[in-house]
Amino acid sequence: SCAHILLPENERKALLKNMRNPRLEALQKKAYLKKVIGICKRVHICPHCGDYN
């Protein structure tokens, strides 16, 4: 309900750092995005506000 991404802060920062790397190719960025989506689908409680999603 708070509209945050459903990742813990440390994972979010690590994945965001990887996504912002200008040396990565489009397929690698797409793979990271797919990983993020897969992780977020498994999370049922928001790590920021604690609300059930």
Protein backbone atom coordinates (compact mmCIF):
# COMPACT_ATOMS: atom_id res chain seq x y z
CA SER A 1 0.00 0.00 0.00
CA CYS A 2 3.01 2.32 0.40
CA ALA A 3 4.11 1.80 -3.27
CA HIS A 4 7.71 0.93 -2.36
CA ILE A 5 9.47 -1.85 -4.22
CA LEU A 6 9.17 -5.10 -2.27
CA LEU A 7 12.89 -5.59 -1.66
CA PRO A 8 14.91 -5.15 1.52
CA GLU A 9 17.03 -2.01 1.43
CA ASN A 10 20.39 -3.79 1.10
CA GLU A 11 19.20 -5.93 -1.86
CA ARG A 12 17.59 -2.92 -3.52
CA LYS A 13 20.80 -0.89 -3.33
CA ALA A 14 22.93 -3.74 -4.70
CA LEU A 15 20.61 -4.43 -7.63
CA LEU A 16 20.20 -0.73 -8.39
CA LYS A 17 23.98 -0.33 -8.45
CA ASN A 18 24.20 -3.17 -10.96
CA MET A 19 21.42 -1.75 -13.13
CA ARG A 20 23.08 1.68 -13.30
CA ASN A 21 26.38 0.25 -14.53
CA PRO A 22 26.92 1.80 -17.98
CA ARG A 23 29.12 -1.11 -19.07
CA LEU A 24 26.31 -3.65 -18.87
CA GLU A 25 24.65 -4.74 -22.03
CA ALA A 26 20.90 -4.67 -22.53
CA LEU A 27 20.54 -8.43 -22.06
CA GLN A 28 22.37 -8.31 -18.74
CA LYS A 29 20.15 -5.48 -17.51
CA LYS A 30 17.11 -7.43 -18.63
CA ALA A 31 18.35 -10.43 -16.62
CA TYR A 32 18.75 -8.25 -13.50
CA LEU A 33 15.24 -6.89 -13.99
CA LYS A 34 13.89 -10.42 -14.31
CA LYS A 35 15.68 -11.32 -11.06
CA VAL A 36 14.12 -8.34 -9.27
CA ILE A 37 10.64 -9.26 -10.49
CA GLY A 38 11.14 -12.86 -9.34
CA ILE A 39 12.25 -11.77 -5.87
CA CYS A 40 9.37 -9.29 -5.53
CA LYS A 41 6.78 -11.89 -6.48
CA ARG A 42 7.83 -14.03 -3.50
CA VAL A 43 7.57 -11.20 -0.94
CA HIS A 44 4.18 -10.89 0.73
CA ILE A 45 4.92 -8.35 3.46
CA CYS A 46 6.33 -4.94 2.63
CA PRO A 47 9.76 -4.47 4.27
CA HIS A 48 9.17 -0.69 4.52
CA CYS A 49 5.72 -0.35 6.09
CA GLY A 50 5.05 -3.94 7.22
CA ASP A 51 1.70 -4.11 5.43
CA TYR A 52 0.50 -7.32 3.76
CA ASN A 53 0.67 -7.13 -0.02
